[in-house]
Amino acid sequence: MSASRSLFLSAKQRIPGGVNSPVRAFRGVGGEPFFVKSAAGCRLTTVDDRELIDFVGTWGPAILGHAAAPVIQAVQETAARGLSFGTPNPLEVDMAETICHLVPSVQKVRMVNSGTEATMSCIRLARGFTARSKILKFEGCYHGHVDSLLVKAGSGALTNGTPDSAGVPAELAALTITVPFNDPAALEAAFDANRGDLAAVILEPVPANAGLYLPEPGFLENLRALCTANGTILIFDEVMTGFRLARGGAQEVFGITPDLTAMGKVIGGGLPVGAFGGRSEIMDFLSPDGPVYQAGTLSGNPVAMAAGLAQLKEMERIDGWARLEETGAAFEAATREAIDGLPLVFHRIGSMFCLYFTQGPVKNLQDAMHSDRDRFAKFFHACLEDGVYFAPSQFEAGFLSTAHTPADIERSAEIVAKNLKAVF
């Protein structure tokens, strides 16, 4: 019996499903997950001593690759001075200044411990600021396991075939309106039907939890105009795209200014972290200055702040975003050559990508759901057997890092081409 299988059998006795986050269970592709004992650069080493080229990157945070030297050094030095204080520390001020500098729409920011906390806090703040109850989200956009937002969600909810979660009161779900992404007519109709009632619209500006699809030209601009005209708070969930697609995230790429932004992943350097921020007059509604309560014992944790700051500083030092674009372009060119003539759709923006097993086009959740999940599962396992690890779900994005070399891209493209031929 392999070491991974032994661990998984033990885990299932003590952990629901044997995993601490559902998509890790491999339910979307079948089989059992592998366990990792170490990671460095763009490679994982399993407990069975298999080495894998990693295109998951701990689901986004590992933008420099795993165990990047500046990040590890910052963690070690900070941890030696204490893991947590329960009082303000200088590093959280440094992080706040850094975020506000890199993301101009953020005038004030508060640190939290996860992306879910960030989106949850944005929703509560928007409701408190506007004195309205309803929110609008887009089908397939996943914003963490927040009750109000587990309505036609993506990520693990799709992987497990449960778009909505048990335990979410119908009365609460009724306050969430959902519309298809990239459907301006449906969006305008939703605003018309709920005029004066919408506290906020929340979206991933580049949805990356139902695979990866891009906003159509004019869609985000129209959304911004509708929110402004209706006094509705526009929330960008940039937990994935923030500090990854560009220094200033997707809002820099598309030139759209949201009112609030949820952030996470990259700014933690691999440690648990989240943040949300936006216009000062909205953020000032937060306790202790305002009536909207939000708190967290470990928020602004010094070790997490040190890791994130080190990662962002290193990205600036090496011009990491330009390097990622070069790597992404090379990966895209190799992938498009491999899929030429096959009924597949490949999407990429910066260092994020997805290969859909459908003829396309893929513009929203409904399009993505046409994907051949059985064929994807065969492809996934074949690549994994050959030493390349892609996300274990058709409905997850892949991630590149500055640690992926041209040789890694070339080798991975060869494996992709080989296994596509095998499954078609």
Protein backbone atom coordinates (compact mmCIF):
# COMPACT_ATOMS: atom_id res chain seq x y z
CA MET A 1 0.00 0.00 0.00
CA SER A 2 1.31 3.42 -0.90
CA ALA A 3 2.04 5.95 1.83
CA SER A 4 -0.57 8.32 0.36
CA ARG A 5 -3.27 5.65 0.42
CA SER A 6 -2.43 4.73 4.00
CA LEU A 7 -2.65 8.38 5.07
CA PHE A 8 -5.93 8.87 3.21
CA LEU A 9 -7.52 5.84 4.86
CA SER A 10 -6.46 7.17 8.25
CA ALA A 11 -7.66 10.68 7.40
CA LYS A 12 -11.13 9.43 6.47
CA GLN A 13 -11.52 8.05 9.98
CA ARG A 14 -10.99 11.47 11.58
CA ILE A 15 -11.62 14.12 8.90
CA PRO A 16 -14.88 14.40 6.92
CA GLY A 17 -14.13 12.96 3.49
CA GLY A 18 -10.50 12.64 4.52
CA VAL A 19 -9.73 16.22 3.49
CA ASN A 20 -9.93 19.72 4.96
CA SER A 21 -11.22 21.31 1.75
CA PRO A 22 -13.58 19.38 -0.56
CA VAL A 23 -11.85 19.75 -3.94
CA ARG A 24 -8.77 18.00 -2.52
CA ALA A 25 -10.76 14.75 -2.34
CA PHE A 26 -10.45 14.17 -6.13
CA ARG A 27 -14.23 13.64 -6.39
CA GLY A 28 -14.21 15.57 -9.66
CA VAL A 29 -11.74 13.19 -11.28
CA GLY A 30 -12.09 9.96 -9.32
CA GLY A 31 -9.41 8.11 -7.45
CA GLU A 32 -7.71 9.25 -4.28
CA PRO A 33 -5.58 12.30 -3.47
CA PHE A 34 -1.84 12.13 -3.01
CA PHE A 35 -0.16 13.56 0.07
CA VAL A 36 2.79 15.96 -0.17
CA LYS A 37 5.75 16.06 2.18
CA SER A 38 7.66 18.97 0.65
CA ALA A 39 7.64 21.52 -2.16
CA ALA A 40 10.26 23.73 -3.78
CA GLY A 41 10.07 25.94 -6.83
CA CYS A 42 7.42 24.55 -9.17
CA ARG A 43 7.72 20.99 -7.86
CA LEU A 44 5.94 18.91 -5.26
CA THR A 45 7.40 15.81 -3.65
CA THR A 46 4.82 13.31 -2.46
CA VAL A 47 5.10 11.08 0.59
CA ASP A 48 5.82 8.28 -1.92
CA ASP A 49 8.82 10.26 -3.26
CA ARG A 50 7.22 11.12 -6.59
CA GLU A 51 8.19 14.50 -8.02
CA LEU A 52 5.48 16.49 -9.80
CA ILE A 53 5.57 19.69 -11.84
CA ASP A 54 2.92 21.74 -10.09
CA PHE A 55 0.39 23.93 -11.92
CA VAL A 56 -1.87 24.42 -8.87
CA GLY A 57 0.53 26.49 -6.77
CA THR A 58 -1.42 25.91 -3.54
CA TRP A 59 -4.43 27.29 -5.48
CA GLY A 60 -2.79 30.59 -6.32
CA PRO A 61 -0.60 31.98 -3.52
CA ALA A 62 2.70 30.46 -4.73
CA ILE A 63 3.39 33.12 -7.34
CA LEU A 64 7.15 32.82 -6.75
CA GLY A 65 6.91 29.05 -6.52
CA HIS A 66 7.10 27.04 -3.32
CA ALA A 67 9.49 27.81 -0.49
CA ALA A 68 10.88 30.95 -2.16
CA ALA A 69 14.02 31.96 -0.27
CA PRO A 70 12.97 35.57 0.56
CA VAL A 71 9.63 34.35 1.93
CA ILE A 72 11.14 31.57 4.02
CA GLN A 73 13.76 33.94 5.43
CA ALA A 74 11.11 36.53 6.36
CA VAL A 75 8.98 33.87 8.07
CA GLN A 76 11.91 32.50 10.05
CA GLU A 77 13.10 35.90 11.21
CA THR A 78 9.61 37.05 12.19
CA ALA A 79 8.62 33.79 13.89
CA ALA A 80 11.73 34.02 16.08
CA ARG A 81 10.30 37.24 17.54
CA GLY A 82 6.87 35.73 18.25
CA LEU A 83 4.05 34.09 16.33
CA SER A 84 1.18 36.32 17.40
CA PHE A 85 0.73 39.26 19.75
CA GLY A 86 -2.96 40.10 19.98
CA THR A 87 -1.98 43.76 19.65
CA PRO A 88 -1.11 45.93 16.64
CA ASN A 89 2.27 45.21 15.04
CA PRO A 90 4.34 47.27 12.56
CA LEU A 91 4.08 44.72 9.74
CA GLU A 92 0.32 45.10 9.41
CA VAL A 93 0.85 48.83 8.86
CA ASP A 94 3.48 48.05 6.21
CA MET A 95 1.04 45.68 4.50
CA ALA A 96 -1.77 48.24 4.57
CA GLU A 97 0.51 50.88 3.03
CA THR A 98 1.67 48.40 0.38
CA ILE A 99 -1.85 47.35 -0.61
CA CYS A 100 -3.10 50.93 -0.83
CA HIS A 101 -0.09 51.85 -2.95
CA LEU A 102 -0.53 48.93 -5.36
CA VAL A 103 -4.34 49.13 -5.62
CA PRO A 104 -5.42 52.78 -6.01
CA SER A 105 -9.12 52.02 -5.42
CA VAL A 106 -8.23 50.92 -1.89
CA GLN A 107 -7.92 53.96 0.38
CA LYS A 108 -8.26 51.98 3.60
CA VAL A 109 -7.86 48.25 4.20
CA ARG A 110 -8.47 45.74 6.97
CA MET A 111 -6.66 42.43 7.29
CA VAL A 112 -8.53 39.18 7.92
CA ASN A 113 -7.57 35.50 7.87
CA SER A 114 -9.06 34.13 4.64
CA GLY A 115 -10.70 35.07 1.38
CA THR A 116 -14.01 33.87 2.78
CA GLU A 117 -13.70 36.31 5.68
CA ALA A 118 -12.89 39.08 3.23
CA THR A 119 -15.94 38.56 1.02
CA MET A 120 -18.22 38.00 4.02
CA SER A 121 -17.03 41.27 5.53
CA CYS A 122 -17.50 43.13 2.25
CA ILE A 123 -21.12 41.97 2.06
CA ARG A 124 -21.87 42.96 5.66
CA LEU A 125 -20.18 46.33 5.17
CA ALA A 126 -22.06 47.04 1.94
CA ARG A 127 -25.37 46.21 3.62
CA GLY A 128 -24.53 48.40 6.58
CA PHE A 129 -23.40 51.30 4.42
CA THR A 130 -26.40 51.25 2.07
CA ALA A 131 -29.05 50.12 4.61
CA ARG A 132 -30.19 47.61 1.97
CA SER A 133 -30.40 43.81 2.18
CA LYS A 134 -30.21 42.28 -1.28
CA ILE A 135 -27.01 41.38 -3.11
CA LEU A 136 -26.38 40.24 -6.67
CA LYS A 137 -23.80 37.66 -7.70
CA PHE A 138 -22.99 35.81 -10.90
CA GLU A 139 -23.52 32.13 -11.60
CA GLY A 140 -20.29 30.19 -11.20
CA CYS A 141 -18.50 32.87 -9.22
CA TYR A 142 -17.31 31.40 -5.93
CA HIS A 143 -16.70 33.78 -3.05
CA GLY A 144 -15.90 31.41 -0.23
CA HIS A 145 -18.24 29.40 1.95
CA VAL A 146 -20.38 32.35 3.04
CA ASP A 147 -24.07 31.50 3.51
CA SER A 148 -25.27 34.43 1.40
CA LEU A 149 -22.92 33.53 -1.43
CA LEU A 150 -23.33 29.75 -1.69
CA VAL A 151 -25.95 30.20 -4.38
CA LYS A 152 -24.99 28.85 -7.81
CA ALA A 153 -21.39 28.94 -6.65
CA GLY A 154 -18.32 27.53 -8.32
CA SER A 155 -15.16 25.79 -7.09
CA GLY A 156 -15.72 22.74 -4.90
CA ALA A 157 -19.48 23.25 -4.96
CA LEU A 158 -19.44 22.50 -8.69
CA THR A 159 -16.89 19.73 -8.38
CA ASN A 160 -19.14 17.91 -5.94
CA GLY A 161 -22.29 18.50 -7.96
CA THR A 162 -23.92 20.62 -5.26
CA PRO A 163 -24.33 24.20 -6.53
CA ASP A 164 -26.07 25.14 -3.25
CA SER A 165 -25.18 23.97 0.24
CA ALA A 166 -27.40 22.37 2.82
CA GLY A 167 -27.55 24.49 5.94
CA VAL A 168 -28.14 27.77 4.10
CA PRO A 169 -31.60 29.10 5.14
CA ALA A 170 -33.95 29.69 2.22
CA GLU A 171 -34.81 33.09 3.67
CA LEU A 172 -31.16 34.13 3.46
CA ALA A 173 -30.64 32.71 -0.02
CA ALA A 174 -33.69 34.66 -1.17
CA LEU A 175 -31.73 37.86 -0.57
CA THR A 176 -29.17 36.81 -3.20
CA ILE A 177 -30.02 37.39 -6.85
CA THR A 178 -27.98 35.46 -9.42
CA VAL A 179 -27.51 36.21 -13.10
CA PRO A 180 -25.29 34.69 -15.81
CA PHE A 181 -21.86 36.21 -16.31
CA ASN A 182 -21.38 38.14 -19.57
CA ASP A 183 -25.15 38.64 -19.99
CA PRO A 184 -25.78 42.40 -19.97
CA ALA A 185 -29.52 42.02 -20.64
CA ALA A 186 -30.00 39.75 -17.62
CA LEU A 187 -27.91 42.11 -15.50
CA GLU A 188 -29.95 45.16 -16.45
CA ALA A 189 -33.19 43.24 -15.88
CA ALA A 190 -32.03 42.30 -12.37
CA PHE A 191 -31.30 45.92 -11.55
CA ASP A 192 -34.69 46.99 -12.92
CA ALA A 193 -36.51 44.34 -10.86
CA ASN A 194 -34.67 45.30 -7.66
CA ARG A 195 -34.33 49.02 -8.05
CA GLY A 196 -33.38 50.65 -4.76
CA ASP A 197 -32.91 47.28 -3.03
CA LEU A 198 -29.45 46.11 -4.12
CA ALA A 199 -26.80 46.74 -1.50
CA ALA A 200 -23.98 45.26 -3.55
CA VAL A 201 -22.90 43.38 -6.63
CA ILE A 202 -20.03 40.97 -6.00
CA LEU A 203 -18.08 39.20 -8.72
CA GLU A 204 -14.78 37.74 -9.71
CA PRO A 205 -13.79 40.15 -12.50
CA VAL A 206 -12.19 37.09 -14.11
CA PRO A 207 -14.23 34.09 -12.92
CA ALA A 208 -11.74 31.38 -11.95
CA ASN A 209 -13.83 28.92 -9.97
CA ALA A 210 -15.74 27.45 -12.89
CA GLY A 211 -12.56 27.03 -14.89
CA LEU A 212 -11.51 30.41 -16.28
CA TYR A 213 -13.46 32.68 -18.58
CA LEU A 214 -13.01 36.35 -19.37
CA PRO A 215 -15.35 39.33 -19.27
CA GLU A 216 -16.67 40.33 -22.69
CA PRO A 217 -15.74 43.84 -23.89
CA GLY A 218 -17.94 46.42 -22.18
CA PHE A 219 -19.41 44.02 -19.60
CA LEU A 220 -17.47 45.34 -16.59
CA GLU A 221 -17.89 48.93 -17.76
CA ASN A 222 -21.66 48.48 -17.97
CA LEU A 223 -21.71 46.89 -14.53
CA ARG A 224 -19.77 49.79 -13.04
CA ALA A 225 -22.21 52.29 -14.59
CA LEU A 226 -25.27 50.40 -13.30
CA CYS A 227 -23.87 50.27 -9.77
CA THR A 228 -23.05 53.97 -9.79
CA ALA A 229 -26.48 54.93 -11.11
CA ASN A 230 -28.28 52.80 -8.51
CA GLY A 231 -26.17 53.56 -5.45
CA THR A 232 -25.07 49.92 -5.31
CA ILE A 233 -21.64 48.95 -3.96
CA LEU A 234 -19.47 47.19 -6.56
CA ILE A 235 -17.30 44.52 -4.93
CA PHE A 236 -14.46 42.91 -6.83
CA ASP A 237 -13.45 39.54 -5.42
CA GLU A 238 -9.75 39.59 -6.28
CA VAL A 239 -8.72 36.83 -3.90
CA MET A 240 -7.31 34.97 -6.92
CA THR A 241 -6.57 37.75 -9.40
CA GLY A 242 -5.25 40.32 -6.95
CA PHE A 243 -1.48 40.90 -7.20
CA ARG A 244 -1.35 38.02 -9.70
CA LEU A 245 -2.69 39.35 -13.00
CA ALA A 246 -0.86 42.62 -12.39
CA ARG A 247 0.43 44.69 -9.47
CA GLY A 248 -3.04 46.16 -9.09
CA GLY A 249 -4.94 43.02 -10.02
CA ALA A 250 -7.74 42.65 -12.55
CA GLN A 251 -8.98 46.18 -11.88
CA GLU A 252 -5.68 47.47 -13.21
CA VAL A 253 -5.87 45.19 -16.26
CA PHE A 254 -9.42 46.22 -17.18
CA GLY A 255 -9.34 49.81 -15.92
CA ILE A 256 -12.40 49.45 -13.67
CA THR A 257 -12.61 50.98 -10.18
CA PRO A 258 -14.67 48.96 -7.68
CA ASP A 259 -15.94 50.39 -4.40
CA LEU A 260 -14.65 47.47 -2.33
CA THR A 261 -12.10 44.75 -3.05
CA ALA A 262 -11.61 41.39 -1.38
CA MET A 263 -8.05 40.08 -1.43
CA GLY A 264 -6.03 37.09 -0.25
CA LYS A 265 -3.68 34.32 -1.42
CA VAL A 266 -0.62 36.16 -2.87
CA ILE A 267 -0.49 38.67 0.02
CA GLY A 268 0.01 35.81 2.48
CA GLY A 269 2.98 34.22 0.77
CA GLY A 270 1.43 30.80 1.42
CA LEU A 271 0.12 31.47 4.94
CA PRO A 272 -3.57 32.00 5.80
CA VAL A 273 -4.54 35.57 5.03
CA GLY A 274 -7.21 37.82 3.60
CA ALA A 275 -7.94 41.51 3.32
CA PHE A 276 -10.67 43.84 2.16
CA GLY A 277 -10.56 47.52 1.41
CA GLY A 278 -11.97 50.36 -0.60
CA ARG A 279 -13.23 53.90 -0.39
CA SER A 280 -12.58 55.60 2.95
CA GLU A 281 -16.19 56.65 3.52
CA ILE A 282 -17.30 53.03 3.22
CA MET A 283 -14.45 51.54 5.25
CA ASP A 284 -15.08 54.07 8.02
CA PHE A 285 -18.39 52.31 8.69
CA LEU A 286 -16.38 49.50 10.27
CA SER A 287 -16.07 49.13 14.02
CA PRO A 288 -14.57 50.73 16.09
CA ASP A 289 -15.32 53.91 14.13
CA GLY A 290 -18.62 52.79 12.63
CA PRO A 291 -21.62 50.54 13.31
CA VAL A 292 -20.55 47.50 11.22
CA TYR A 293 -18.85 44.93 13.43
CA GLN A 294 -15.91 42.86 12.20
CA ALA A 295 -13.08 41.32 14.20
CA GLY A 296 -10.45 38.58 14.20
CA THR A 297 -8.02 37.37 16.85
CA LEU A 298 -5.27 36.53 14.35
CA SER A 299 -5.98 39.27 11.79
CA GLY A 300 -2.78 41.00 10.74
CA ASN A 301 -0.70 38.10 12.06
CA PRO A 302 2.95 39.21 11.95
CA VAL A 303 4.27 36.00 10.33
CA ALA A 304 1.65 36.10 7.58
CA MET A 305 2.30 39.80 7.01
CA ALA A 306 6.04 39.21 6.77
CA ALA A 307 5.57 36.39 4.26
CA GLY A 308 3.26 38.44 2.06
CA LEU A 309 5.42 41.54 2.15
CA ALA A 310 8.51 39.52 1.25
CA GLN A 311 6.69 37.97 -1.69
CA LEU A 312 5.42 41.29 -3.04
CA LYS A 313 8.85 42.92 -2.63
CA GLU A 314 10.50 40.07 -4.50
CA MET A 315 7.93 40.33 -7.30
CA GLU A 316 8.81 44.01 -7.64
CA ARG A 317 12.55 43.30 -7.53
CA ILE A 318 12.50 40.71 -10.33
CA ASP A 319 9.71 42.39 -12.37
CA GLY A 320 7.74 39.25 -11.70
CA TRP A 321 4.56 40.23 -13.54
CA ALA A 322 6.44 40.73 -16.80
CA ARG A 323 8.17 37.39 -16.30
CA LEU A 324 4.85 35.68 -15.66
CA GLU A 325 3.39 37.12 -18.84
CA GLU A 326 6.32 35.72 -20.81
CA THR A 327 5.92 32.33 -19.19
CA GLY A 328 2.18 32.42 -19.72
CA ALA A 329 2.56 33.29 -23.40
CA ALA A 330 5.01 30.42 -23.89
CA PHE A 331 2.69 28.01 -22.09
CA GLU A 332 -0.25 29.19 -24.18
CA ALA A 333 1.63 28.79 -27.46
CA ALA A 334 2.70 25.25 -26.56
CA THR A 335 -0.80 24.32 -25.39
CA ARG A 336 -2.50 25.70 -28.49
CA GLU A 337 -0.16 23.69 -30.66
CA ALA A 338 -1.05 20.56 -28.67
CA ILE A 339 -4.83 21.08 -28.91
CA ASP A 340 -4.93 22.11 -32.57
CA GLY A 341 -7.83 20.37 -34.28
CA LEU A 342 -9.32 18.98 -31.04
CA PRO A 343 -12.70 19.98 -29.50
CA LEU A 344 -11.09 21.95 -26.70
CA VAL A 345 -11.08 25.57 -25.50
CA PHE A 346 -8.02 27.12 -23.89
CA HIS A 347 -8.22 30.35 -21.92
CA ARG A 348 -5.34 32.28 -20.40
CA ILE A 349 -4.86 35.65 -18.81
CA GLY A 350 -1.45 36.40 -17.34
CA SER A 351 -0.38 33.43 -15.22
CA MET A 352 -3.87 31.86 -14.94
CA PHE A 353 -5.28 29.34 -17.40
CA CYS A 354 -7.89 26.66 -18.05
CA LEU A 355 -8.35 23.93 -20.67
CA TYR A 356 -12.04 23.16 -21.23
CA PHE A 357 -13.03 19.81 -22.70
CA THR A 358 -15.76 21.31 -24.89
CA GLN A 359 -15.93 22.93 -28.31
CA GLY A 360 -16.94 26.26 -26.85
CA PRO A 361 -17.14 29.12 -26.78
CA VAL A 362 -17.06 29.36 -22.99
CA LYS A 363 -18.34 32.70 -21.72
CA ASN A 364 -20.21 31.71 -18.56
CA LEU A 365 -21.12 28.86 -16.24
CA GLN A 366 -23.68 27.34 -18.59
CA ASP A 367 -21.05 27.09 -21.34
CA ALA A 368 -18.49 25.63 -18.94
CA MET A 369 -20.90 22.91 -17.82
CA HIS A 370 -20.89 21.45 -21.33
CA SER A 371 -17.37 20.17 -20.68
CA ASP A 372 -16.72 16.44 -20.94
CA ARG A 373 -15.77 15.72 -17.35
CA ASP A 374 -15.09 12.03 -17.92
CA ARG A 375 -12.57 12.80 -20.65
CA PHE A 376 -10.99 15.49 -18.49
CA ALA A 377 -10.62 13.00 -15.63
CA LYS A 378 -8.77 10.55 -17.91
CA PHE A 379 -6.50 13.35 -19.10
CA PHE A 380 -5.86 14.52 -15.54
CA HIS A 381 -4.80 11.08 -14.30
CA ALA A 382 -2.65 10.43 -17.36
CA CYS A 383 -0.78 13.71 -16.82
CA LEU A 384 -0.42 13.00 -13.11
CA GLU A 385 1.05 9.60 -13.89
CA ASP A 386 3.57 11.33 -16.15
CA GLY A 387 4.55 13.79 -13.43
CA VAL A 388 2.42 16.88 -14.18
CA TYR A 389 -0.14 18.03 -11.63
CA PHE A 390 -3.08 20.08 -12.87
CA ALA A 391 -6.08 21.01 -10.71
CA PRO A 392 -8.19 17.90 -9.96
CA SER A 393 -11.36 19.42 -11.41
CA GLN A 394 -12.50 20.69 -14.79
CA PHE A 395 -13.84 23.71 -12.94
CA GLU A 396 -10.64 25.12 -11.45
CA ALA A 397 -8.03 27.45 -12.89
CA GLY A 398 -4.37 26.57 -13.21
CA PHE A 399 -1.52 28.79 -12.04
CA LEU A 400 1.98 29.49 -13.27
CA SER A 401 4.81 30.83 -11.13
CA THR A 402 8.10 32.60 -11.71
CA ALA A 403 9.72 29.27 -10.77
CA HIS A 404 8.43 27.55 -13.93
CA THR A 405 11.35 27.45 -16.37
CA PRO A 406 11.24 27.13 -20.18
CA ALA A 407 12.30 23.51 -19.71
CA ASP A 408 9.36 22.92 -17.34
CA ILE A 409 6.96 24.42 -19.87
CA GLU A 410 8.41 22.36 -22.73
CA ARG A 411 8.28 19.12 -20.76
CA SER A 412 4.72 19.78 -19.58
CA ALA A 413 3.57 20.61 -23.11
CA GLU A 414 4.98 17.31 -24.35
CA ILE A 415 3.03 15.45 -21.67
CA VAL A 416 -0.14 17.41 -22.46
CA ALA A 417 0.15 16.60 -26.18
CA LYS A 418 0.83 12.93 -25.52
CA ASN A 419 -2.13 12.47 -23.20
CA LEU A 420 -4.57 14.45 -25.31
CA LYS A 421 -3.85 12.05 -28.15
CA ALA A 422 -4.49 9.18 -25.77
CA VAL A 423 -7.93 10.40 -24.63
CA PHE A 424 -9.26 11.49 -28.04
